[in-house]
PDB file of N, CA and C in Angstrom:
ATOM      1  N   MET A   1     -56.510  28.325 -34.091  1.00  0.00           N
ATOM      2  CA  MET A   1     -56.944  30.557 -33.849  1.00  0.00           C
ATOM      3  C   MET A   1     -56.016  30.845 -33.586  1.00  0.00           C
ATOM      4  N   GLN A   2     -56.104  31.614 -34.252  1.00  0.00           N
ATOM      5  CA  GLN A   2     -55.010  33.399 -33.774  1.00  0.00           C
ATOM      6  C   GLN A   2     -55.465  34.128 -33.593  1.00  0.00           C
ATOM      7  N   TYR A   3     -55.361  35.231 -32.652  1.00  0.00           N
ATOM      8  CA  TYR A   3     -55.662  36.236 -31.803  1.00  0.00           C
ATOM      9  C   TYR A   3     -54.206  37.130 -31.805  1.00  0.00           C
ATOM     10  N   PHE A   4     -54.220  38.379 -31.944  1.00  0.00           N
ATOM     11  CA  PHE A   4     -53.385  39.480 -32.364  1.00  0.00           C
ATOM     12  C   PHE A   4     -53.305  40.461 -31.426  1.00  0.00           C
ATOM     13  N   HIS A   5     -52.471  41.058 -31.056  1.00  0.00           N
ATOM     14  CA  HIS A   5     -52.740  41.997 -30.375  1.00  0.00           C
ATOM     15  C   HIS A   5     -51.636  43.235 -30.208  1.00  0.00           C
ATOM     16  N   ARG A   6     -51.703  44.430 -30.081  1.00  0.00           N
ATOM     17  CA  ARG A   6     -50.753  45.474 -30.555  1.00  0.00           C
ATOM     18  C   ARG A   6     -50.615  46.288 -29.516  1.00  0.00           C
ATOM     19  N   THR A   7     -49.452  46.602 -28.948  1.00  0.00           N
ATOM     20  CA  THR A   7     -48.937  46.977 -27.229  1.00  0.00           C
ATOM     21  C   THR A   7     -47.769  47.857 -27.442  1.00  0.00           C
ATOM     22  N   HIS A   8     -47.818  48.556 -26.261  1.00  0.00           N
ATOM     23  CA  HIS A   8     -47.064  49.782 -26.294  1.00  0.00           C
ATOM     24  C   HIS A   8     -45.425  48.895 -25.274  1.00  0.00           C
ATOM     25  N   LEU A   9     -45.980  48.096 -24.755  1.00  0.00           N
ATOM     26  CA  LEU A   9     -44.305  47.103 -23.931  1.00  0.00           C
ATOM     27  C   LEU A   9     -43.912  46.822 -25.464  1.00  0.00           C
ATOM     28  N   SER A  10     -42.503  46.581 -24.707  1.00  0.00           N
ATOM     29  CA  SER A  10     -41.385  46.069 -25.491  1.00  0.00           C
ATOM     30  C   SER A  10     -41.309  44.749 -26.046  1.00  0.00           C
ATOM     31  N   PRO A  11     -40.808  44.184 -26.913  1.00  0.00           N
ATOM     32  CA  PRO A  11     -41.012  42.254 -26.739  1.00  0.00           C
ATOM     33  C   PRO A  11     -40.185  41.846 -26.105  1.00  0.00           C
ATOM     34  N   ASP A  12     -39.595  42.245 -25.459  1.00  0.00           N
ATOM     35  CA  ASP A  12     -38.588  41.919 -24.144  1.00  0.00           C
ATOM     36  C   ASP A  12     -40.002  41.329 -23.186  1.00  0.00           C
ATOM     37  N   ASP A  13     -40.586  42.792 -22.699  1.00  0.00           N
ATOM     38  CA  ASP A  13     -41.230  42.261 -21.877  1.00  0.00           C
ATOM     39  C   ASP A  13     -42.507  41.639 -22.130  1.00  0.00           C
ATOM     40  N   ALA A  14     -42.844  41.758 -23.340  1.00  0.00           N
ATOM     41  CA  ALA A  14     -43.892  41.111 -24.106  1.00  0.00           C
ATOM     42  C   ALA A  14     -43.815  39.699 -23.744  1.00  0.00           C
ATOM     43  N   ILE A  15     -43.267  39.559 -24.235  1.00  0.00           N
ATOM     44  CA  ILE A  15     -42.253  37.780 -24.384  1.00  0.00           C
ATOM     45  C   ILE A  15     -42.040  37.166 -22.700  1.00  0.00           C
ATOM     46  N   ALA A  16     -41.150  37.930 -21.998  1.00  0.00           N
ATOM     47  CA  ALA A  16     -41.488  38.036 -20.365  1.00  0.00           C
ATOM     48  C   ALA A  16     -43.051  37.582 -19.836  1.00  0.00           C
ATOM     49  N   SER A  17     -44.039  38.644 -20.401  1.00  0.00           N
ATOM     50  CA  SER A  17     -44.695  38.006 -19.932  1.00  0.00           C
ATOM     51  C   SER A  17     -45.654  37.131 -19.761  1.00  0.00           C
ATOM     52  N   ALA A  18     -46.014  36.864 -21.637  1.00  0.00           N
ATOM     53  CA  ALA A  18     -45.911  35.092 -22.045  1.00  0.00           C
ATOM     54  C   ALA A  18     -45.396  33.837 -21.048  1.00  0.00           C
ATOM     55  N   ALA A  19     -44.356  33.879 -21.349  1.00  0.00           N
ATOM     56  CA  ALA A  19     -43.216  33.189 -20.777  1.00  0.00           C
ATOM     57  C   ALA A  19     -44.154  33.094 -19.204  1.00  0.00           C
ATOM     58  N   GLU A  20     -44.264  34.016 -18.292  1.00  0.00           N
ATOM     59  CA  GLU A  20     -44.278  33.781 -17.008  1.00  0.00           C
ATOM     60  C   GLU A  20     -45.876  33.300 -16.536  1.00  0.00           C
ATOM     61  N   PHE A  21     -47.394  33.374 -18.094  1.00  0.00           N
ATOM     62  CA  PHE A  21     -48.227  33.885 -17.691  1.00  0.00           C
ATOM     63  C   PHE A  21     -48.282  31.839 -18.330  1.00  0.00           C
ATOM     64  N   PHE A  22     -48.012  31.572 -19.310  1.00  0.00           N
ATOM     65  CA  PHE A  22     -48.379  30.521 -19.415  1.00  0.00           C
ATOM     66  C   PHE A  22     -47.468  29.660 -18.823  1.00  0.00           C
ATOM     67  N   GLY A  23     -46.181  29.442 -18.545  1.00  0.00           N
ATOM     68  CA  GLY A  23     -44.854  29.011 -18.283  1.00  0.00           C
ATOM     69  C   GLY A  23     -45.444  28.478 -17.046  1.00  0.00           C
ATOM     70  N   GLN A  24     -46.993  28.620 -16.197  1.00  0.00           N
ATOM     71  CA  GLN A  24     -47.469  28.073 -15.194  1.00  0.00           C
ATOM     72  C   GLN A  24     -48.622  27.409 -14.929  1.00  0.00           C
ATOM     73  N   ARG A  25     -49.559  27.458 -16.212  1.00  0.00           N
ATOM     74  CA  ARG A  25     -50.389  26.926 -16.472  1.00  0.00           C
ATOM     75  C   ARG A  25     -49.747  25.463 -17.141  1.00  0.00           C
ATOM     76  N   LEU A  26     -48.795  26.043 -18.530  1.00  0.00           N
ATOM     77  CA  LEU A  26     -48.471  25.114 -19.606  1.00  0.00           C
ATOM     78  C   LEU A  26     -46.905  24.645 -19.789  1.00  0.00           C
ATOM     79  N   GLY A  27     -46.203  23.109 -20.632  1.00  0.00           N
ATOM     80  CA  GLY A  27     -45.605  23.078 -20.323  1.00  0.00           C
ATOM     81  C   GLY A  27     -44.943  23.679 -21.232  1.00  0.00           C
ATOM     82  N   PRO A  28     -43.750  23.942 -21.376  1.00  0.00           N
ATOM     83  CA  PRO A  28     -42.688  24.548 -22.533  1.00  0.00           C
ATOM     84  C   PRO A  28     -42.098  23.585 -23.128  1.00  0.00           C
ATOM     85  N   SER A  29     -42.675  23.855 -24.923  1.00  0.00           N
ATOM     86  CA  SER A  29     -42.038  22.887 -25.466  1.00  0.00           C
ATOM     87  C   SER A  29     -40.450  23.725 -26.313  1.00  0.00           C
ATOM     88  N   GLN A  30     -41.022  25.136 -26.337  1.00  0.00           N
ATOM     89  CA  GLN A  30     -39.865  25.031 -27.489  1.00  0.00           C
ATOM     90  C   GLN A  30     -39.418  26.940 -26.963  1.00  0.00           C
ATOM     91  N   GLU A  31     -38.250  27.466 -26.952  1.00  0.00           N
ATOM     92  CA  GLU A  31     -38.203  28.352 -26.451  1.00  0.00           C
ATOM     93  C   GLU A  31     -36.924  29.344 -27.625  1.00  0.00           C
ATOM     94  N   GLU A  32     -37.588  30.969 -27.780  1.00  0.00           N
ATOM     95  CA  GLU A  32     -36.600  31.576 -28.835  1.00  0.00           C
ATOM     96  C   GLU A  32     -36.505  32.573 -28.678  1.00  0.00           C
ATOM     97  N   PRO A  33     -36.199  33.639 -29.615  1.00  0.00           N
ATOM     98  CA  PRO A  33     -35.413  34.795 -28.603  1.00  0.00           C
ATOM     99  C   PRO A  33     -37.088  35.759 -28.703  1.00  0.00           C
ATOM    100  N   ARG A  34     -37.722  35.663 -29.356  1.00  0.00           N
ATOM    101  CA  ARG A  34     -39.134  36.493 -29.718  1.00  0.00           C
ATOM    102  C   ARG A  34     -40.318  35.060 -29.589  1.00  0.00           C
ATOM    103  N   ARG A  35     -39.881  34.283 -29.494  1.00  0.00           N
ATOM    104  CA  ARG A  35     -41.276  32.973 -29.550  1.00  0.00           C
ATOM    105  C   ARG A  35     -41.216  32.246 -28.382  1.00  0.00           C
ATOM    106  N   ARG A  36     -42.388  31.489 -27.871  1.00  0.00           N
ATOM    107  CA  ARG A  36     -42.454  30.383 -27.143  1.00  0.00           C
ATOM    108  C   ARG A  36     -43.361  29.548 -27.681  1.00  0.00           C
ATOM    109  N   GLN A  37     -43.028  28.110 -27.639  1.00  0.00           N
ATOM    110  CA  GLN A  37     -44.321  27.682 -27.666  1.00  0.00           C
ATOM    111  C   GLN A  37     -44.377  26.624 -26.625  1.00  0.00           C
ATOM    112  N   PHE A  38     -46.009  26.484 -26.319  1.00  0.00           N
ATOM    113  CA  PHE A  38     -46.251  25.540 -25.582  1.00  0.00           C
ATOM    114  C   PHE A  38     -47.139  25.161 -25.444  1.00  0.00           C
ATOM    115  N   ALA A  39     -47.081  23.251 -24.798  1.00  0.00           N
ATOM    116  CA  ALA A  39     -47.932  22.248 -24.912  1.00  0.00           C
ATOM    117  C   ALA A  39     -48.564  21.847 -23.541  1.00  0.00           C
ATOM    118  N   SER A  40     -49.883  21.275 -23.667  1.00  0.00           N
ATOM    119  CA  SER A  40     -50.340  20.103 -22.609  1.00  0.00           C
ATOM    120  C   SER A  40     -51.630  19.609 -23.455  1.00  0.00           C
ATOM    121  N   PRO A  41     -52.240  18.467 -22.388  1.00  0.00           N
ATOM    122  CA  PRO A  41     -52.844  17.890 -22.686  1.00  0.00           C
ATOM    123  C   PRO A  41     -54.513  18.916 -23.232  1.00  0.00           C
ATOM    124  N   LEU A  42     -54.291  19.912 -23.528  1.00  0.00           N
ATOM    125  CA  LEU A  42     -54.881  21.152 -24.195  1.00  0.00           C
ATOM    126  C   LEU A  42     -55.057  20.942 -25.641  1.00  0.00           C
ATOM    127  N   GLY A  43     -53.488  20.948 -25.573  1.00  0.00           N
ATOM    128  CA  GLY A  43     -52.944  21.240 -27.225  1.00  0.00           C
ATOM    129  C   GLY A  43     -52.114  22.449 -26.754  1.00  0.00           C
ATOM    130  N   GLU A  44     -52.032  22.689 -28.329  1.00  0.00           N
ATOM    131  CA  GLU A  44     -50.659  23.404 -28.515  1.00  0.00           C
ATOM    132  C   GLU A  44     -50.667  24.919 -28.566  1.00  0.00           C
ATOM    133  N   LEU A  45     -49.712  26.250 -27.950  1.00  0.00           N
ATOM    134  CA  LEU A  45     -50.363  27.066 -28.310  1.00  0.00           C
ATOM    135  C   LEU A  45     -48.397  28.100 -27.881  1.00  0.00           C
ATOM    136  N   THR A  46     -48.601  28.582 -29.115  1.00  0.00           N
ATOM    137  CA  THR A  46     -47.305  29.848 -29.662  1.00  0.00           C
ATOM    138  C   THR A  46     -47.673  31.849 -29.570  1.00  0.00           C
ATOM    139  N   VAL A  47     -47.243  31.558 -28.563  1.00  0.00           N
ATOM    140  CA  VAL A  47     -46.840  33.545 -28.683  1.00  0.00           C
ATOM    141  C   VAL A  47     -45.218  33.772 -29.741  1.00  0.00           C
ATOM    142  N   THR A  48     -46.011  34.295 -30.290  1.00  0.00           N
ATOM    143  CA  THR A  48     -44.958  35.155 -31.108  1.00  0.00           C
ATOM    144  C   THR A  48     -44.464  36.955 -31.075  1.00  0.00           C
ATOM    145  N   VAL A  49     -43.894  37.485 -30.690  1.00  0.00           N
ATOM    146  CA  VAL A  49     -44.053  38.908 -30.742  1.00  0.00           C
ATOM    147  C   VAL A  49     -42.868  39.282 -32.071  1.00  0.00           C
ATOM    148  N   ARG A  50     -42.955  41.055 -32.399  1.00  0.00           N
ATOM    149  CA  ARG A  50     -42.152  41.235 -33.376  1.00  0.00           C
ATOM    150  C   ARG A  50     -42.629  42.889 -33.106  1.00  0.00           C
ATOM    151  N   ALA A  51     -41.067  43.466 -32.883  1.00  0.00           N
ATOM    152  CA  ALA A  51     -41.552  45.218 -33.220  1.00  0.00           C
ATOM    153  C   ALA A  51     -42.493  45.341 -33.970  1.00  0.00           C
ATOM    154  N   GLU A  52     -42.884  47.003 -34.005  1.00  0.00           N
ATOM    155  CA  GLU A  52     -44.075  47.017 -35.450  1.00  0.00           C
ATOM    156  C   GLU A  52     -44.417  48.231 -35.295  1.00  0.00           C
ATOM    157  N   GLY A  53     -44.408  49.072 -36.372  1.00  0.00           N
ATOM    158  CA  GLY A  53     -44.512  50.635 -36.577  1.00  0.00           C
ATOM    159  C   GLY A  53     -43.840  51.479 -35.234  1.00  0.00           C
ATOM    160  N   GLY A  54     -42.627  50.981 -34.877  1.00  0.00           N
ATOM    161  CA  GLY A  54     -41.633  52.201 -34.431  1.00  0.00           C
ATOM    162  C   GLY A  54     -41.449  51.411 -32.412  1.00  0.00           C
ATOM    163  N   HIS A  55     -42.616  51.952 -32.184  1.00  0.00           N
ATOM    164  CA  HIS A  55     -43.108  52.005 -30.770  1.00  0.00           C
ATOM    165  C   HIS A  55     -43.572  50.613 -30.121  1.00  0.00           C
ATOM    166  N   TYR A  56     -44.365  49.792 -31.008  1.00  0.00           N
ATOM    167  CA  TYR A  56     -45.442  49.494 -30.944  1.00  0.00           C
ATOM    168  C   TYR A  56     -44.734  48.281 -31.031  1.00  0.00           C
ATOM    169  N   THR A  57     -45.547  46.919 -30.330  1.00  0.00           N
ATOM    170  CA  THR A  57     -45.235  46.046 -30.530  1.00  0.00           C
ATOM    171  C   THR A  57     -46.375  44.947 -30.668  1.00  0.00           C
ATOM    172  N   LEU A  58     -46.350  44.385 -31.736  1.00  0.00           N
ATOM    173  CA  LEU A  58     -47.288  42.740 -32.227  1.00  0.00           C
ATOM    174  C   LEU A  58     -46.737  41.341 -31.638  1.00  0.00           C
ATOM    175  N   VAL A  59     -48.422  41.448 -30.909  1.00  0.00           N
ATOM    176  CA  VAL A  59     -48.163  39.660 -30.214  1.00  0.00           C
ATOM    177  C   VAL A  59     -49.211  38.970 -30.744  1.00  0.00           C
ATOM    178  N   THR A  60     -48.503  37.597 -30.746  1.00  0.00           N
ATOM    179  CA  THR A  60     -49.273  36.806 -32.183  1.00  0.00           C
ATOM    180  C   THR A  60     -49.761  36.298 -30.934  1.00  0.00           C
ATOM    181  N   VAL A  61     -50.993  35.173 -30.953  1.00  0.00           N
ATOM    182  CA  VAL A  61     -51.093  33.940 -29.956  1.00  0.00           C
ATOM    183  C   VAL A  61     -52.178  33.205 -30.834  1.00  0.00           C
ATOM    184  N   TRP A  62     -51.140  32.093 -30.732  1.00  0.00           N
ATOM    185  CA  TRP A  62     -52.143  31.018 -32.401  1.00  0.00           C
ATOM    186  C   TRP A  62     -52.376  29.476 -31.838  1.00  0.00           C
ATOM    187  N   THR A  63     -53.211  29.630 -31.439  1.00  0.00           N
ATOM    188  CA  THR A  63     -53.106  27.433 -30.486  1.00  0.00           C
ATOM    189  C   THR A  63     -54.383  26.807 -31.947  1.00  0.00           C
ATOM    190  N   ASN A  64     -53.658  25.484 -31.932  1.00  0.00           N
ATOM    191  CA  ASN A  64     -54.111  24.257 -33.010  1.00  0.00           C
ATOM    192  C   ASN A  64     -55.079  24.251 -32.099  1.00  0.00           C
ATOM    193  N   GLN A  65     -56.280  24.513 -31.365  1.00  0.00           N
ATOM    194  CA  GLN A  65     -57.486  24.282 -30.843  1.00  0.00           C
ATOM    195  C   GLN A  65     -58.488  24.739 -31.744  1.00  0.00           C
ATOM    196  N   PRO A  66     -59.648  25.328 -31.779  1.00  0.00           N
ATOM    197  CA  PRO A  66     -60.733  25.788 -32.658  1.00  0.00           C
ATOM    198  C   PRO A  66     -61.334  26.534 -31.570  1.00  0.00           C
ATOM    199  N   GLY A  67     -62.001  27.479 -31.746  1.00  0.00           N
ATOM    200  CA  GLY A  67     -62.602  28.690 -31.283  1.00  0.00           C
ATOM    201  C   GLY A  67     -63.141  28.270 -29.791  1.00  0.00           C
ATOM    202  N   GLU A  68     -62.829  28.590 -29.233  1.00  0.00           N
ATOM    203  CA  GLU A  68     -64.107  28.892 -27.705  1.00  0.00           C
ATOM    204  C   GLU A  68     -63.867  27.150 -27.025  1.00  0.00           C
ATOM    205  N   SER A  69     -62.010  26.687 -27.169  1.00  0.00           N
ATOM    206  CA  SER A  69     -61.719  26.210 -26.513  1.00  0.00           C
ATOM    207  C   SER A  69     -61.078  25.861 -25.715  1.00  0.00           C
ATOM    208  N   GLU A  70     -60.649  25.711 -24.816  1.00  0.00           N
ATOM    209  CA  GLU A  70     -60.006  25.925 -23.025  1.00  0.00           C
ATOM    210  C   GLU A  70     -58.884  27.055 -23.149  1.00  0.00           C
ATOM    211  N   LEU A  71     -58.101  26.042 -24.442  1.00  0.00           N
ATOM    212  CA  LEU A  71     -56.276  26.997 -24.521  1.00  0.00           C
ATOM    213  C   LEU A  71     -57.255  27.930 -25.774  1.00  0.00           C
ATOM    214  N   ASP A  72     -58.045  28.705 -25.974  1.00  0.00           N
ATOM    215  CA  ASP A  72     -57.697  29.475 -26.751  1.00  0.00           C
ATOM    216  C   ASP A  72     -58.749  30.666 -26.137  1.00  0.00           C
ATOM    217  N   LYS A  73     -59.439  30.355 -24.553  1.00  0.00           N
ATOM    218  CA  LYS A  73     -59.687  31.039 -24.159  1.00  0.00           C
ATOM    219  C   LYS A  73     -58.281  31.768 -22.941  1.00  0.00           C
ATOM    220  N   LEU A  74     -57.064  30.484 -23.059  1.00  0.00           N
ATOM    221  CA  LEU A  74     -56.185  30.862 -21.780  1.00  0.00           C
ATOM    222  C   LEU A  74     -56.030  32.258 -22.640  1.00  0.00           C
ATOM    223  N   GLY A  75     -55.187  31.942 -24.160  1.00  0.00           N
ATOM    224  CA  GLY A  75     -54.453  32.294 -24.791  1.00  0.00           C
ATOM    225  C   GLY A  75     -55.437  34.241 -24.992  1.00  0.00           C
ATOM    226  N   ARG A  76     -56.194  33.942 -25.409  1.00  0.00           N
ATOM    227  CA  ARG A  76     -57.617  35.554 -25.381  1.00  0.00           C
ATOM    228  C   ARG A  76     -57.141  36.427 -23.806  1.00  0.00           C
ATOM    229  N   ARG A  77     -56.970  35.471 -23.236  1.00  0.00           N
ATOM    230  CA  ARG A  77     -57.198  35.908 -21.421  1.00  0.00           C
ATOM    231  C   ARG A  77     -55.474  36.599 -21.349  1.00  0.00           C
ATOM    232  N   PHE A  78     -55.067  36.178 -21.642  1.00  0.00           N
ATOM    233  CA  PHE A  78     -53.843  36.756 -21.513  1.00  0.00           C
ATOM    234  C   PHE A  78     -53.041  38.043 -22.627  1.00  0.00           C
ATOM    235  N   LEU A  79     -54.176  38.006 -23.408  1.00  0.00           N
ATOM    236  CA  LEU A  79     -53.999  39.165 -24.105  1.00  0.00           C
ATOM    237  C   LEU A  79     -54.642  40.367 -23.701  1.00  0.00           C
ATOM    238  N   THR A  80     -55.638  40.102 -23.030  1.00  0.00           N
ATOM    239  CA  THR A  80     -56.203  41.133 -21.636  1.00  0.00           C
ATOM    240  C   THR A  80     -56.135  41.337 -20.736  1.00  0.00           C
ATOM    241  N   LEU A  81     -55.117  40.817 -20.239  1.00  0.00           N
ATOM    242  CA  LEU A  81     -54.099  41.149 -18.863  1.00  0.00           C
ATOM    243  C   LEU A  81     -52.528  41.784 -20.055  1.00  0.00           C
ATOM    244  N   LEU A  82     -52.562  41.315 -20.548  1.00  0.00           N
ATOM    245  CA  LEU A  82     -51.495  42.158 -21.712  1.00  0.00           C
ATOM    246  C   LEU A  82     -51.939  43.545 -21.338  1.00  0.00           C
ATOM    247  N   HIS A  83     -52.989  43.551 -22.094  1.00  0.00           N
ATOM    248  CA  HIS A  83     -53.461  45.362 -21.963  1.00  0.00           C
ATOM    249  C   HIS A  83     -53.336  45.626 -20.879  1.00  0.00           C
ATOM    250  N   ALA A  84     -53.608  45.181 -19.842  1.00  0.00           N
ATOM    251  CA  ALA A  84     -54.239  45.823 -18.816  1.00  0.00           C
ATOM    252  C   ALA A  84     -52.965  45.993 -18.264  1.00  0.00           C
ATOM    253  N   GLU A  85     -51.589  44.960 -18.972  1.00  0.00           N
ATOM    254  CA  GLU A  85     -50.018  45.743 -18.023  1.00  0.00           C
ATOM    255  C   GLU A  85     -49.739  47.269 -18.828  1.00  0.00           C
ATOM    256  N   ALA A  86     -50.336  47.097 -19.744  1.00  0.00           N
ATOM    257  CA  ALA A  86     -49.789  48.625 -20.622  1.00  0.00           C
ATOM    258  C   ALA A  86     -50.293  49.161 -20.255  1.00  0.00           C
ATOM    259  N   ASP A  87     -51.720  49.663 -19.996  1.00  0.00           N
ATOM    260  CA  ASP A  87     -52.842  50.189 -19.735  1.00  0.00           C
ATOM    261  C   ASP A  87     -53.158  50.374 -18.515  1.00  0.00           C
ATOM    262  N   PRO A  88     -52.727  50.627 -17.316  1.00  0.00           N
ATOM    263  CA  PRO A  88     -53.630  50.146 -16.221  1.00  0.00           C
ATOM    264  C   PRO A  88     -54.742  50.839 -15.543  1.00  0.00           C
ATOM    265  N   ALA A  89     -55.399  51.861 -16.712  1.00  0.00           N
ATOM    266  CA  ALA A  89     -56.920  51.867 -16.606  1.00  0.00           C
ATOM    267  C   ALA A  89     -57.808  51.200 -17.533  1.00  0.00           C
ATOM    268  N   HIS A  90     -57.098  50.363 -18.109  1.00  0.00           N
ATOM    269  CA  HIS A  90     -57.558  49.379 -18.598  1.00  0.00           C
ATOM    270  C   HIS A  90     -58.333  48.555 -17.927  1.00  0.00           C
ATOM    271  N   ARG A  91     -59.893  47.910 -18.039  1.00  0.00           N
ATOM    272  CA  ARG A  91     -59.651  46.755 -16.601  1.00  0.00           C
ATOM    273  C   ARG A  91     -60.066  45.660 -17.109  1.00  0.00           C
ATOM    274  N   PRO A  92     -59.934  44.881 -16.996  1.00  0.00           N
ATOM    275  CA  PRO A  92     -59.762  43.285 -17.728  1.00  0.00           C
ATOM    276  C   PRO A  92     -61.031  42.357 -17.811  1.00  0.00           C
ATOM    277  N   ILE A  93     -62.305  42.710 -18.228  1.00  0.00           N
ATOM    278  CA  ILE A  93     -63.610  41.955 -17.829  1.00  0.00           C
ATOM    279  C   ILE A  93     -63.791  41.129 -19.204  1.00  0.00           C
ATOM    280  N   GLY A  94     -64.830  40.452 -18.593  1.00  0.00           N
ATOM    281  CA  GLY A  94     -64.856  38.850 -19.249  1.00  0.00           C
ATOM    282  C   GLY A  94     -64.661  37.917 -18.953  1.00  0.00           C
ATOM    283  N   ALA A  95     -64.974  36.127 -19.561  1.00  0.00           N
ATOM    284  CA  ALA A  95     -65.440  35.341 -18.895  1.00  0.00           C
ATOM    285  C   ALA A  95     -64.753  33.833 -19.657  1.00  0.00           C
ATOM    286  N   TYR A  96     -63.430  34.661 -19.454  1.00  0.00           N
ATOM    287  CA  TYR A  96     -62.241  33.742 -19.921  1.00  0.00           C
ATOM    288  C   TYR A  96     -61.252  33.812 -19.051  1.00  0.00           C
TER     289      TYR A  96
END
């Protein structure tokens, strides 16, 4: 599955957040300047960031698992928390 989120955070801040969030839960398997890949018994997860439209950053989370898997839920949770990091008024609610 693949999920996208546009944020006002810089690409460096977004990828640092991904490394912190997923690094505590999954083992890192590949690291590039704007891309992090993680692996665990649950599967593989990749986060990429790129500048888009001036002051926006496009964050993409990809997993090799079907929707509603534990790894998918973890990816969606990260995007929700990233939204809350950029917009403190956002309330991160959800069952993932």
